[in-house]
Amino acid sequence: YAVAWFRQVPGKEPEGISCIRRADDGGTVYADSVKGRFTIYRDNA
């Protein structure tokens, strides 16, 4: 699965902040608001 993290505050739509492509790819994307501070990763085990 491609897996994404969203965050939501009351009254607003979920904001996509990061995602990771499926395990055989592993590429990642970050929103500017979290880039350099947040890291998305898989525990393959």
PDB file of all heavy atoms in Angstrom:
ATOM      1  N   TYR A   1       0.822  -1.204   0.000  1.00  0.00           N
ATOM      2  CA  TYR A   1       0.000   0.000   0.000  1.00  0.00           C
ATOM      3  C   TYR A   1       0.863   1.264   0.000  1.00  0.00           C
ATOM      4  O   TYR A   1       1.890   1.327   0.678  1.00  0.00           O
ATOM      5  CB  TYR A   1      -0.890   0.052   1.239  1.00  0.00           C
ATOM      6  CG  TYR A   1      -1.964  -1.006   1.267  1.00  0.00           C
ATOM      7  CD1 TYR A   1      -1.689  -2.276   1.772  1.00  0.00           C
ATOM      8  CD2 TYR A   1      -3.241  -0.745   0.799  1.00  0.00           C
ATOM      9  CE1 TYR A   1      -2.666  -3.263   1.802  1.00  0.00           C
ATOM     10  CE2 TYR A   1      -4.229  -1.719   0.829  1.00  0.00           C
ATOM     11  CZ  TYR A   1      -3.931  -2.975   1.330  1.00  0.00           C
ATOM     12  OH  TYR A   1      -4.912  -3.942   1.351  1.00  0.00           O
ATOM     13  N   ALA A   2       0.418   2.259  -0.763  1.00  0.00           N
ATOM     14  CA  ALA A   2       0.907   3.610  -0.528  1.00  0.00           C
ATOM     15  C   ALA A   2       0.212   4.117   0.729  1.00  0.00           C
ATOM     16  O   ALA A   2      -0.994   3.939   0.883  1.00  0.00           O
ATOM     17  CB  ALA A   2       0.598   4.512  -1.704  1.00  0.00           C
ATOM     18  N   VAL A   3       0.968   4.728   1.620  1.00  0.00           N
ATOM     19  CA  VAL A   3       0.421   5.178   2.900  1.00  0.00           C
ATOM     20  C   VAL A   3       0.682   6.664   3.062  1.00  0.00           C
ATOM     21  O   VAL A   3       1.792   7.144   2.805  1.00  0.00           O
ATOM     22  CB  VAL A   3       1.047   4.399   4.073  1.00  0.00           C
ATOM     23  CG1 VAL A   3       0.506   4.916   5.413  1.00  0.00           C
ATOM     24  CG2 VAL A   3       0.759   2.909   3.935  1.00  0.00           C
ATOM     25  N   ALA A   4      -0.335   7.359   3.491  1.00  0.00           N
ATOM     26  CA  ALA A   4      -0.232   8.805   3.665  1.00  0.00           C
ATOM     27  C   ALA A   4      -0.598   9.189   5.085  1.00  0.00           C
ATOM     28  O   ALA A   4      -1.382   8.509   5.754  1.00  0.00           O
ATOM     29  CB  ALA A   4      -1.162   9.518   2.685  1.00  0.00           C
ATOM     30  N   TRP A   5      -0.041  10.294   5.520  1.00  0.00           N
ATOM     31  CA  TRP A   5      -0.435  10.909   6.781  1.00  0.00           C
ATOM     32  C   TRP A   5      -1.124  12.238   6.476  1.00  0.00           C
ATOM     33  O   TRP A   5      -0.600  13.046   5.703  1.00  0.00           O
ATOM     34  CB  TRP A   5       0.761  11.138   7.692  1.00  0.00           C
ATOM     35  CG  TRP A   5       1.249   9.900   8.349  1.00  0.00           C
ATOM     36  CD1 TRP A   5       2.276   9.110   7.942  1.00  0.00           C
ATOM     37  CD2 TRP A   5       0.712   9.282   9.530  1.00  0.00           C
ATOM     38  NE1 TRP A   5       2.426   8.039   8.803  1.00  0.00           N
ATOM     39  CE2 TRP A   5       1.471   8.121   9.793  1.00  0.00           C
ATOM     40  CE3 TRP A   5      -0.332   9.596  10.404  1.00  0.00           C
ATOM     41  CZ2 TRP A   5       1.224   7.275  10.869  1.00  0.00           C
ATOM     42  CZ3 TRP A   5      -0.571   8.760  11.473  1.00  0.00           C
ATOM     43  CH2 TRP A   5       0.189   7.617  11.703  1.00  0.00           C
ATOM     44  N   PHE A   6      -2.269  12.406   7.111  1.00  0.00           N
ATOM     45  CA  PHE A   6      -3.007  13.654   7.032  1.00  0.00           C
ATOM     46  C   PHE A   6      -3.133  14.211   8.447  1.00  0.00           C
ATOM     47  O   PHE A   6      -3.031  13.478   9.423  1.00  0.00           O
ATOM     48  CB  PHE A   6      -4.414  13.422   6.474  1.00  0.00           C
ATOM     49  CG  PHE A   6      -4.437  12.977   5.042  1.00  0.00           C
ATOM     50  CD1 PHE A   6      -4.232  11.637   4.716  1.00  0.00           C
ATOM     51  CD2 PHE A   6      -4.679  13.877   4.025  1.00  0.00           C
ATOM     52  CE1 PHE A   6      -4.256  11.217   3.397  1.00  0.00           C
ATOM     53  CE2 PHE A   6      -4.706  13.470   2.700  1.00  0.00           C
ATOM     54  CZ  PHE A   6      -4.495  12.134   2.391  1.00  0.00           C
ATOM     55  N   ARG A   7      -3.389  15.495   8.543  1.00  0.00           N
ATOM     56  CA  ARG A   7      -3.752  16.050   9.834  1.00  0.00           C
ATOM     57  C   ARG A   7      -4.959  16.966   9.645  1.00  0.00           C
ATOM     58  O   ARG A   7      -5.128  17.559   8.584  1.00  0.00           O
ATOM     59  CB  ARG A   7      -2.594  16.799  10.483  1.00  0.00           C
ATOM     60  CG  ARG A   7      -2.069  18.022   9.744  1.00  0.00           C
ATOM     61  CD  ARG A   7      -0.817  18.546  10.445  1.00  0.00           C
ATOM     62  NE  ARG A   7      -0.274  19.735   9.810  1.00  0.00           N
ATOM     63  CZ  ARG A   7       0.900  20.275  10.130  1.00  0.00           C
ATOM     64  NH1 ARG A   7       1.649  19.729  11.090  1.00  0.00           N
ATOM     65  NH2 ARG A   7       1.321  21.350   9.508  1.00  0.00           N
ATOM     66  N   GLN A   8      -5.751  17.008  10.677  1.00  0.00           N
ATOM     67  CA  GLN A   8      -7.010  17.731  10.572  1.00  0.00           C
ATOM     68  C   GLN A   8      -7.286  18.494  11.856  1.00  0.00           C
ATOM     69  O   GLN A   8      -7.157  17.938  12.951  1.00  0.00           O
ATOM     70  CB  GLN A   8      -8.160  16.763  10.275  1.00  0.00           C
ATOM     71  CG  GLN A   8      -9.483  17.431   9.982  1.00  0.00           C
ATOM     72  CD  GLN A   8     -10.535  16.441   9.536  1.00  0.00           C
ATOM     73  OE1 GLN A   8     -10.492  15.263   9.878  1.00  0.00           O
ATOM     74  NE2 GLN A   8     -11.494  16.913   8.744  1.00  0.00           N
ATOM     75  N   VAL A   9      -7.680  19.748  11.694  1.00  0.00           N
ATOM     76  CA  VAL A   9      -8.148  20.548  12.825  1.00  0.00           C
ATOM     77  C   VAL A   9      -9.641  20.768  12.640  1.00  0.00           C
ATOM     78  O   VAL A   9     -10.158  20.698  11.511  1.00  0.00           O
ATOM     79  CB  VAL A   9      -7.382  21.884  12.927  1.00  0.00           C
ATOM     80  CG1 VAL A   9      -5.913  21.627  13.205  1.00  0.00           C
ATOM     81  CG2 VAL A   9      -7.567  22.711  11.664  1.00  0.00           C
ATOM     82  N   PRO A  10     -10.350  21.023  13.727  1.00  0.00           N
ATOM     83  CA  PRO A  10     -11.809  21.167  13.622  1.00  0.00           C
ATOM     84  C   PRO A  10     -12.224  22.213  12.592  1.00  0.00           C
ATOM     85  O   PRO A  10     -11.659  23.305  12.537  1.00  0.00           O
ATOM     86  CB  PRO A  10     -12.216  21.578  15.039  1.00  0.00           C
ATOM     87  CG  PRO A  10     -11.166  20.984  15.903  1.00  0.00           C
ATOM     88  CD  PRO A  10      -9.892  21.094  15.125  1.00  0.00           C
ATOM     89  N   GLY A  11     -13.189  21.831  11.762  1.00  0.00           N
ATOM     90  CA  GLY A  11     -13.736  22.760  10.787  1.00  0.00           C
ATOM     91  C   GLY A  11     -12.984  22.836   9.485  1.00  0.00           C
ATOM     92  O   GLY A  11     -13.359  23.609   8.593  1.00  0.00           O
ATOM     93  N   LYS A  12     -11.902  22.055   9.353  1.00  0.00           N
ATOM     94  CA  LYS A  12     -11.115  22.101   8.121  1.00  0.00           C
ATOM     95  C   LYS A  12     -10.989  20.715   7.515  1.00  0.00           C
ATOM     96  O   LYS A  12     -11.126  19.696   8.195  1.00  0.00           O
ATOM     97  CB  LYS A  12      -9.728  22.685   8.397  1.00  0.00           C
ATOM     98  CG  LYS A  12      -9.742  24.166   8.767  1.00  0.00           C
ATOM     99  CD  LYS A  12      -8.347  24.746   8.733  1.00  0.00           C
ATOM    100  CE  LYS A  12      -8.380  26.248   8.952  1.00  0.00           C
ATOM    101  NZ  LYS A  12      -7.024  26.850   8.871  1.00  0.00           N
ATOM    102  N   GLU A  13     -10.713  20.700   6.222  1.00  0.00           N
ATOM    103  CA  GLU A  13     -10.466  19.446   5.537  1.00  0.00           C
ATOM    104  C   GLU A  13      -9.119  18.870   5.957  1.00  0.00           C
ATOM    105  O   GLU A  13      -8.214  19.624   6.354  1.00  0.00           O
ATOM    106  CB  GLU A  13     -10.465  19.674   4.019  1.00  0.00           C
ATOM    107  CG  GLU A  13     -11.826  20.024   3.435  1.00  0.00           C
ATOM    108  CD  GLU A  13     -12.773  18.846   3.515  1.00  0.00           C
ATOM    109  OE1 GLU A  13     -12.376  17.734   3.119  1.00  0.00           O
ATOM    110  OE2 GLU A  13     -13.914  19.038   3.989  1.00  0.00           O
ATOM    111  N   PRO A  14      -8.962  17.542   5.881  1.00  0.00           N
ATOM    112  CA  PRO A  14      -7.659  16.957   6.187  1.00  0.00           C
ATOM    113  C   PRO A  14      -6.572  17.499   5.268  1.00  0.00           C
ATOM    114  O   PRO A  14      -6.782  17.638   4.057  1.00  0.00           O
ATOM    115  CB  PRO A  14      -7.882  15.460   5.963  1.00  0.00           C
ATOM    116  CG  PRO A  14      -9.355  15.263   6.111  1.00  0.00           C
ATOM    117  CD  PRO A  14      -9.974  16.516   5.573  1.00  0.00           C
ATOM    118  N   GLU A  15      -5.439  17.798   5.858  1.00  0.00           N
ATOM    119  CA  GLU A  15      -4.283  18.307   5.110  1.00  0.00           C
ATOM    120  C   GLU A  15      -3.283  17.176   4.924  1.00  0.00           C
ATOM    121  O   GLU A  15      -2.821  16.588   5.909  1.00  0.00           O
ATOM    122  CB  GLU A  15      -3.627  19.444   5.892  1.00  0.00           C
ATOM    123  CG  GLU A  15      -2.314  19.937   5.312  1.00  0.00           C
ATOM    124  CD  GLU A  15      -1.503  20.779   6.287  1.00  0.00           C
ATOM    125  OE1 GLU A  15      -1.861  20.833   7.484  1.00  0.00           O
ATOM    126  OE2 GLU A  15      -0.495  21.376   5.848  1.00  0.00           O
ATOM    127  N   GLY A  16      -2.949  16.881   3.688  1.00  0.00           N
ATOM    128  CA  GLY A  16      -1.938  15.869   3.424  1.00  0.00           C
ATOM    129  C   GLY A  16      -0.561  16.395   3.736  1.00  0.00           C
ATOM    130  O   GLY A  16      -0.169  17.428   3.190  1.00  0.00           O
ATOM    131  N   ILE A  17       0.176  15.709   4.602  1.00  0.00           N
ATOM    132  CA  ILE A  17       1.491  16.208   5.001  1.00  0.00           C
ATOM    133  C   ILE A  17       2.638  15.318   4.548  1.00  0.00           C
ATOM    134  O   ILE A  17       3.772  15.784   4.407  1.00  0.00           O
ATOM    135  CB  ILE A  17       1.572  16.442   6.517  1.00  0.00           C
ATOM    136  CG1 ILE A  17       1.256  15.165   7.298  1.00  0.00           C
ATOM    137  CG2 ILE A  17       0.641  17.574   6.935  1.00  0.00           C
ATOM    138  CD1 ILE A  17       1.548  15.276   8.778  1.00  0.00           C
ATOM    139  N   SER A  18       2.362  14.053   4.318  1.00  0.00           N
ATOM    140  CA  SER A  18       3.432  13.165   3.880  1.00  0.00           C
ATOM    141  C   SER A  18       2.852  11.866   3.366  1.00  0.00           C
ATOM    142  O   SER A  18       1.742  11.471   3.738  1.00  0.00           O
ATOM    143  CB  SER A  18       4.395  12.866   5.037  1.00  0.00           C
ATOM    144  OG  SER A  18       5.494  12.100   4.589  1.00  0.00           O
ATOM    145  N   CYS A  19       3.601  11.195   2.516  1.00  0.00           N
ATOM    146  CA  CYS A  19       3.204   9.867   2.076  1.00  0.00           C
ATOM    147  C   CYS A  19       4.446   9.089   1.681  1.00  0.00           C
ATOM    148  O   CYS A  19       5.520   9.659   1.450  1.00  0.00           O
ATOM    149  CB  CYS A  19       2.194   9.920   0.935  1.00  0.00           C
ATOM    150  SG  CYS A  19       2.757  10.763  -0.549  1.00  0.00           S
ATOM    151  N   ILE A  20       4.270   7.779   1.610  1.00  0.00           N
ATOM    152  CA  ILE A  20       5.348   6.890   1.209  1.00  0.00           C
ATOM    153  C   ILE A  20       4.787   5.876   0.228  1.00  0.00           C
ATOM    154  O   ILE A  20       3.703   5.329   0.432  1.00  0.00           O
ATOM    155  CB  ILE A  20       6.002   6.208   2.443  1.00  0.00           C
ATOM    156  CG1 ILE A  20       7.242   5.426   2.039  1.00  0.00           C
ATOM    157  CG2 ILE A  20       5.000   5.310   3.194  1.00  0.00           C
ATOM    158  CD1 ILE A  20       8.105   5.016   3.235  1.00  0.00           C
ATOM    159  N   ARG A  21       5.503   5.667  -0.848  1.00  0.00           N
ATOM    160  CA  ARG A  21       5.048   4.708  -1.843  1.00  0.00           C
ATOM    161  C   ARG A  21       5.210   3.296  -1.306  1.00  0.00           C
ATOM    162  O   ARG A  21       5.853   3.058  -0.297  1.00  0.00           O
ATOM    163  CB  ARG A  21       5.777   4.930  -3.158  1.00  0.00           C
ATOM    164  CG  ARG A  21       5.413   6.281  -3.785  1.00  0.00           C
ATOM    165  CD  ARG A  21       5.820   6.385  -5.235  1.00  0.00           C
ATOM    166  NE  ARG A  21       7.244   6.618  -5.423  1.00  0.00           N
ATOM    167  CZ  ARG A  21       7.815   7.817  -5.430  1.00  0.00           C
ATOM    168  NH1 ARG A  21       7.086   8.904  -5.209  1.00  0.00           N
ATOM    169  NH2 ARG A  21       9.095   7.943  -5.641  1.00  0.00           N
ATOM    170  N   ARG A  22       4.623   2.345  -1.979  1.00  0.00           N
ATOM    171  CA  ARG A  22       4.622   0.981  -1.485  1.00  0.00           C
ATOM    172  C   ARG A  22       6.043   0.482  -1.301  1.00  0.00           C
ATOM    173  O   ARG A  22       6.991   1.049  -1.841  1.00  0.00           O
ATOM    174  CB  ARG A  22       3.797   0.082  -2.387  1.00  0.00           C
ATOM    175  CG  ARG A  22       4.319  -0.057  -3.775  1.00  0.00           C
ATOM    176  CD  ARG A  22       3.354  -0.884  -4.605  1.00  0.00           C
ATOM    177  NE  ARG A  22       3.963  -1.383  -5.812  1.00  0.00           N
ATOM    178  CZ  ARG A  22       3.324  -2.071  -6.738  1.00  0.00           C
ATOM    179  NH1 ARG A  22       2.030  -2.330  -6.574  1.00  0.00           N
ATOM    180  NH2 ARG A  22       3.941  -2.503  -7.805  1.00  0.00           N
ATOM    181  N   ALA A  23       6.225  -0.611  -0.576  1.00  0.00           N
ATOM    182  CA  ALA A  23       7.530  -1.011  -0.052  1.00  0.00           C
ATOM    183  C   ALA A  23       8.555  -1.294  -1.149  1.00  0.00           C
ATOM    184  O   ALA A  23       9.748  -1.118  -0.927  1.00  0.00           O
ATOM    185  CB  ALA A  23       7.370  -2.224   0.848  1.00  0.00           C
ATOM    186  N   ASP A  24       8.124  -1.742  -2.305  1.00  0.00           N
ATOM    187  CA  ASP A  24       9.099  -2.042  -3.364  1.00  0.00           C
ATOM    188  C   ASP A  24       9.602  -0.791  -4.069  1.00  0.00           C
ATOM    189  O   ASP A  24      10.458  -0.872  -4.951  1.00  0.00           O
ATOM    190  CB  ASP A  24       8.505  -3.033  -4.374  1.00  0.00           C
ATOM    191  CG  ASP A  24       7.279  -2.507  -5.078  1.00  0.00           C
ATOM    192  OD1 ASP A  24       6.812  -1.407  -4.735  1.00  0.00           O
ATOM    193  OD2 ASP A  24       6.754  -3.204  -5.964  1.00  0.00           O
ATOM    194  N   ASP A  25       9.095   0.368  -3.679  1.00  0.00           N
ATOM    195  CA  ASP A  25       9.526   1.659  -4.215  1.00  0.00           C
ATOM    196  C   ASP A  25      10.091   2.506  -3.084  1.00  0.00           C
ATOM    197  O   ASP A  25      11.265   2.842  -3.080  1.00  0.00           O
ATOM    198  CB  ASP A  25       8.347   2.346  -4.901  1.00  0.00           C
ATOM    199  CG  ASP A  25       8.706   3.704  -5.495  1.00  0.00           C
ATOM    200  OD1 ASP A  25       9.531   4.438  -4.914  1.00  0.00           O
ATOM    201  OD2 ASP A  25       8.142   4.036  -6.543  1.00  0.00           O
ATOM    202  N   GLY A  26       9.258   2.840  -2.108  1.00  0.00           N
ATOM    203  CA  GLY A  26       9.714   3.539  -0.908  1.00  0.00           C
ATOM    204  C   GLY A  26       9.891   5.039  -1.044  1.00  0.00           C
ATOM    205  O   GLY A  26      10.327   5.698  -0.099  1.00  0.00           O
ATOM    206  N   GLY A  27       9.544   5.603  -2.203  1.00  0.00           N
ATOM    207  CA  GLY A  27       9.672   7.043  -2.373  1.00  0.00           C
ATOM    208  C   GLY A  27       8.753   7.800  -1.427  1.00  0.00           C
ATOM    209  O   GLY A  27       7.706   7.299  -1.024  1.00  0.00           O
ATOM    210  N   THR A  28       9.153   9.011  -1.076  1.00  0.00           N
ATOM    211  CA  THR A  28       8.395   9.793  -0.105  1.00  0.00           C
ATOM    212  C   THR A  28       8.122  11.195  -0.624  1.00  0.00           C
ATOM    213  O   THR A  28       8.830  11.705  -1.503  1.00  0.00           O
ATOM    214  CB  THR A  28       9.157   9.901   1.232  1.00  0.00           C
ATOM    215  OG1 THR A  28      10.437  10.503   1.005  1.00  0.00           O
ATOM    216  CG2 THR A  28       9.338   8.530   1.871  1.00  0.00           C
ATOM    217  N   VAL A  29       7.089  11.802  -0.070  1.00  0.00           N
ATOM    218  CA  VAL A  29       6.710  13.181  -0.378  1.00  0.00           C
ATOM    219  C   VAL A  29       6.392  13.874   0.950  1.00  0.00           C
ATOM    220  O   VAL A  29       5.807  13.252   1.848  1.00  0.00           O
ATOM    221  CB  VAL A  29       5.478  13.228  -1.301  1.00  0.00           C
ATOM    222  CG1 VAL A  29       5.005  14.660  -1.495  1.00  0.00           C
ATOM    223  CG2 VAL A  29       5.790  12.589  -2.654  1.00  0.00           C
ATOM    224  N   TYR A  30       6.771  15.144   1.044  1.00  0.00           N
ATOM    225  CA  TYR A  30       6.501  15.923   2.265  1.00  0.00           C
ATOM    226  C   TYR A  30       5.916  17.289   1.897  1.00  0.00           C
ATOM    227  O   TYR A  30       6.334  17.911   0.919  1.00  0.00           O
ATOM    228  CB  TYR A  30       7.774  16.154   3.073  1.00  0.00           C
ATOM    229  CG  TYR A  30       8.399  14.915   3.632  1.00  0.00           C
ATOM    230  CD1 TYR A  30       9.396  14.237   2.947  1.00  0.00           C
ATOM    231  CD2 TYR A  30       7.986  14.402   4.861  1.00  0.00           C
ATOM    232  CE1 TYR A  30       9.973  13.084   3.459  1.00  0.00           C
ATOM    233  CE2 TYR A  30       8.559  13.253   5.385  1.00  0.00           C
ATOM    234  CZ  TYR A  30       9.547  12.599   4.679  1.00  0.00           C
ATOM    235  OH  TYR A  30      10.109  11.460   5.199  1.00  0.00           O
ATOM    236  N   ALA A  31       5.001  17.742   2.724  1.00  0.00           N
ATOM    237  CA  ALA A  31       4.538  19.119   2.608  1.00  0.00           C
ATOM    238  C   ALA A  31       5.643  20.056   3.090  1.00  0.00           C
ATOM    239  O   ALA A  31       6.433  19.697   3.970  1.00  0.00           O
ATOM    240  CB  ALA A  31       3.276  19.324   3.444  1.00  0.00           C
ATOM    241  N   ASP A  32       5.670  21.257   2.551  1.00  0.00           N
ATOM    242  CA  ASP A  32       6.690  22.229   2.956  1.00  0.00           C
ATOM    243  C   ASP A  32       6.631  22.511   4.451  1.00  0.00           C
ATOM    244  O   ASP A  32       7.650  22.776   5.083  1.00  0.00           O
ATOM    245  CB  ASP A  32       6.512  23.534   2.172  1.00  0.00           C
ATOM    246  CG  ASP A  32       6.943  23.406   0.722  1.00  0.00           C
ATOM    247  OD1 ASP A  32       7.644  22.431   0.390  1.00  0.00           O
ATOM    248  OD2 ASP A  32       6.565  24.282  -0.078  1.00  0.00           O
ATOM    249  N   SER A  33       5.422  22.447   5.006  1.00  0.00           N
ATOM    250  CA  SER A  33       5.242  22.784   6.421  1.00  0.00           C
ATOM    251  C   SER A  33       5.923  21.806   7.364  1.00  0.00           C
ATOM    252  O   SER A  33       6.159  22.129   8.528  1.00  0.00           O
ATOM    253  CB  SER A  33       3.745  22.860   6.754  1.00  0.00           C
ATOM    254  OG  SER A  33       3.108  21.631   6.469  1.00  0.00           O
ATOM    255  N   VAL A  34       6.234  20.597   6.885  1.00  0.00           N
ATOM    256  CA  VAL A  34       6.851  19.592   7.757  1.00  0.00           C
ATOM    257  C   VAL A  34       8.201  19.115   7.254  1.00  0.00           C
ATOM    258  O   VAL A  34       8.902  18.373   7.948  1.00  0.00           O
ATOM    259  CB  VAL A  34       5.920  18.373   7.959  1.00  0.00           C
ATOM    260  CG1 VAL A  34       4.559  18.828   8.471  1.00  0.00           C
ATOM    261  CG2 VAL A  34       5.783  17.562   6.680  1.00  0.00           C
ATOM    262  N   LYS A  35       8.582  19.542   6.054  1.00  0.00           N
ATOM    263  CA  LYS A  35       9.830  19.081   5.454  1.00  0.00           C
ATOM    264  C   LYS A  35      11.015  19.458   6.348  1.00  0.00           C
ATOM    265  O   LYS A  35      11.121  20.586   6.815  1.00  0.00           O
ATOM    266  CB  LYS A  35       9.986  19.700   4.067  1.00  0.00           C
ATOM    267  CG  LYS A  35      11.003  19.016   3.173  1.00  0.00           C
ATOM    268  CD  LYS A  35      10.971  19.620   1.776  1.00  0.00           C
ATOM    269  CE  LYS A  35       9.650  19.369   1.087  1.00  0.00           C
ATOM    270  NZ  LYS A  35       9.614  19.894  -0.293  1.00  0.00           N
ATOM    271  N   GLY A  36      11.874  18.482   6.569  1.00  0.00           N
ATOM    272  CA  GLY A  36      13.032  18.702   7.426  1.00  0.00           C
ATOM    273  C   GLY A  36      12.773  18.444   8.893  1.00  0.00           C
ATOM    274  O   GLY A  36      13.711  18.350   9.690  1.00  0.00           O
ATOM    275  N   ARG A  37      11.513  18.341   9.276  1.00  0.00           N
ATOM    276  CA  ARG A  37      11.166  18.066  10.680  1.00  0.00           C
ATOM    277  C   ARG A  37      10.522  16.685  10.845  1.00  0.00           C
ATOM    278  O   ARG A  37      10.718  16.049  11.879  1.00  0.00           O
ATOM    279  CB  ARG A  37      10.202  19.128  11.209  1.00  0.00           C
ATOM    280  CG  ARG A  37      10.742  20.539  11.172  1.00  0.00           C
ATOM    281  CD  ARG A  37       9.805  21.506  11.888  1.00  0.00           C
ATOM    282  NE  ARG A  37       8.485  21.579  11.266  1.00  0.00           N
ATOM    283  CZ  ARG A  37       7.344  21.345  11.906  1.00  0.00           C
ATOM    284  NH1 ARG A  37       7.356  21.026  13.197  1.00  0.00           N
ATOM    285  NH2 ARG A  37       6.190  21.453  11.277  1.00  0.00           N
ATOM    286  N   PHE A  38       9.753  16.264   9.858  1.00  0.00           N
ATOM    287  CA  PHE A  38       9.050  14.979   9.928  1.00  0.00           C
ATOM    288  C   PHE A  38       9.704  13.983   8.973  1.00  0.00           C
ATOM    289  O   PHE A  38      10.167  14.358   7.889  1.00  0.00           O
ATOM    290  CB  PHE A  38       7.584  15.145   9.534  1.00  0.00           C
ATOM    291  CG  PHE A  38       6.729  15.924  10.505  1.00  0.00           C
ATOM    292  CD1 PHE A  38       7.276  16.645  11.559  1.00  0.00           C
ATOM    293  CD2 PHE A  38       5.345  15.949  10.344  1.00  0.00           C
ATOM    294  CE1 PHE A  38       6.474  17.357  12.435  1.00  0.00           C
ATOM    295  CE2 PHE A  38       4.535  16.655  11.212  1.00  0.00           C
ATOM    296  CZ  PHE A  38       5.102  17.367  12.250  1.00  0.00           C
ATOM    297  N   THR A  39       9.689  12.723   9.362  1.00  0.00           N
ATOM    298  CA  THR A  39      10.207  11.654   8.512  1.00  0.00           C
ATOM    299  C   THR A  39       9.214  10.503   8.499  1.00  0.00           C
ATOM    300  O   THR A  39       8.831   9.998   9.562  1.00  0.00           O
ATOM    301  CB  THR A  39      11.565  11.145   9.028  1.00  0.00           C
ATOM    302  OG1 THR A  39      12.499  12.238   9.088  1.00  0.00           O
ATOM    303  CG2 THR A  39      12.117  10.076   8.094  1.00  0.00           C
ATOM    304  N   ILE A  40       8.818  10.097   7.316  1.00  0.00           N
ATOM    305  CA  ILE A  40       7.944   8.935   7.162  1.00  0.00           C
ATOM    306  C   ILE A  40       8.808   7.754   6.758  1.00  0.00           C
ATOM    307  O   ILE A  40       9.729   7.882   5.936  1.00  0.00           O
ATOM    308  CB  ILE A  40       6.824   9.207   6.126  1.00  0.00           C
ATOM    309  CG1 ILE A  40       5.787   8.096   6.127  1.00  0.00           C
ATOM    310  CG2 ILE A  40       7.404   9.424   4.730  1.00  0.00           C
ATOM    311  CD1 ILE A  40       4.538   8.418   5.289  1.00  0.00           C
ATOM    312  N   TYR A  41       8.537   6.605   7.351  1.00  0.00           N
ATOM    313  CA  TYR A  41       9.353   5.441   7.015  1.00  0.00           C
ATOM    314  C   TYR A  41       8.566   4.167   7.287  1.00  0.00           C
ATOM    315  O   TYR A  41       7.564   4.163   8.014  1.00  0.00           O
ATOM    316  CB  TYR A  41      10.667   5.431   7.810  1.00  0.00           C
ATOM    317  CG  TYR A  41      10.523   5.343   9.313  1.00  0.00           C
ATOM    318  CD1 TYR A  41      10.596   4.115   9.981  1.00  0.00           C
ATOM    319  CD2 TYR A  41      10.306   6.492  10.077  1.00  0.00           C
ATOM    320  CE1 TYR A  41      10.471   4.045  11.362  1.00  0.00           C
ATOM    321  CE2 TYR A  41      10.184   6.429  11.457  1.00  0.00           C
ATOM    322  CZ  TYR A  41      10.263   5.210  12.095  1.00  0.00           C
ATOM    323  OH  TYR A  41      10.130   5.137  13.466  1.00  0.00           O
ATOM    324  N   ARG A  42       9.038   3.100   6.700  1.00  0.00           N
ATOM    325  CA  ARG A  42       8.422   1.788   6.888  1.00  0.00           C
ATOM    326  C   ARG A  42       9.271   0.933   7.828  1.00  0.00           C
ATOM    327  O   ARG A  42      10.500   1.015   7.789  1.00  0.00           O
ATOM    328  CB  ARG A  42       8.300   1.052   5.548  1.00  0.00           C
ATOM    329  CG  ARG A  42       7.308   1.671   4.592  1.00  0.00           C
ATOM    330  CD  ARG A  42       7.167   0.822   3.339  1.00  0.00           C
ATOM    331  NE  ARG A  42       6.169   1.383   2.440  1.00  0.00           N
ATOM    332  CZ  ARG A  42       4.877   1.113   2.502  1.00  0.00           C
ATOM    333  NH1 ARG A  42       4.420   0.273   3.417  1.00  0.00           N
ATOM    334  NH2 ARG A  42       4.035   1.667   1.644  1.00  0.00           N
ATOM    335  N   ASP A  43       8.605   0.152   8.616  1.00  0.00           N
ATOM    336  CA  ASP A  43       9.249  -0.942   9.339  1.00  0.00           C
ATOM    337  C   ASP A  43       8.910  -2.197   8.550  1.00  0.00           C
ATOM    338  O   ASP A  43       7.815  -2.740   8.669  1.00  0.00           O
ATOM    339  CB  ASP A  43       8.734  -1.029  10.772  1.00  0.00           C
ATOM    340  CG  ASP A  43       9.424  -2.120  11.576  1.00  0.00           C
ATOM    341  OD1 ASP A  43       9.845  -3.132  10.980  1.00  0.00           O
ATOM    342  OD2 ASP A  43       9.535  -1.952  12.802  1.00  0.00           O
ATOM    343  N   ASN A  44       9.838  -2.620   7.714  1.00  0.00           N
ATOM    344  CA  ASN A  44       9.532  -3.723   6.815  1.00  0.00           C
ATOM    345  C   ASN A  44       9.309  -5.038   7.565  1.00  0.00           C
ATOM    346  O   ASN A  44       8.543  -5.888   7.126  1.00  0.00           O
ATOM    347  CB  ASN A  44      10.648  -3.875   5.784  1.00  0.00           C
ATOM    348  CG  ASN A  44      10.694  -2.696   4.836  1.00  0.00           C
ATOM    349  OD1 ASN A  44       9.668  -2.121   4.491  1.00  0.00           O
ATOM    350  ND2 ASN A  44      11.890  -2.316   4.425  1.00  0.00           N
ATOM    351  N   ALA A  45       9.960  -5.192   8.675  1.00  0.00           N
ATOM    352  CA  ALA A  45       9.785  -6.417   9.458  1.00  0.00           C
ATOM    353  C   ALA A  45       8.377  -6.505  10.037  1.00  0.00           C
ATOM    354  O   ALA A  45       7.811  -7.599  10.148  1.00  0.00           O
ATOM    355  CB  ALA A  45      10.819  -6.475  10.564  1.00  0.00           C
TER     356      ALA A  45
END
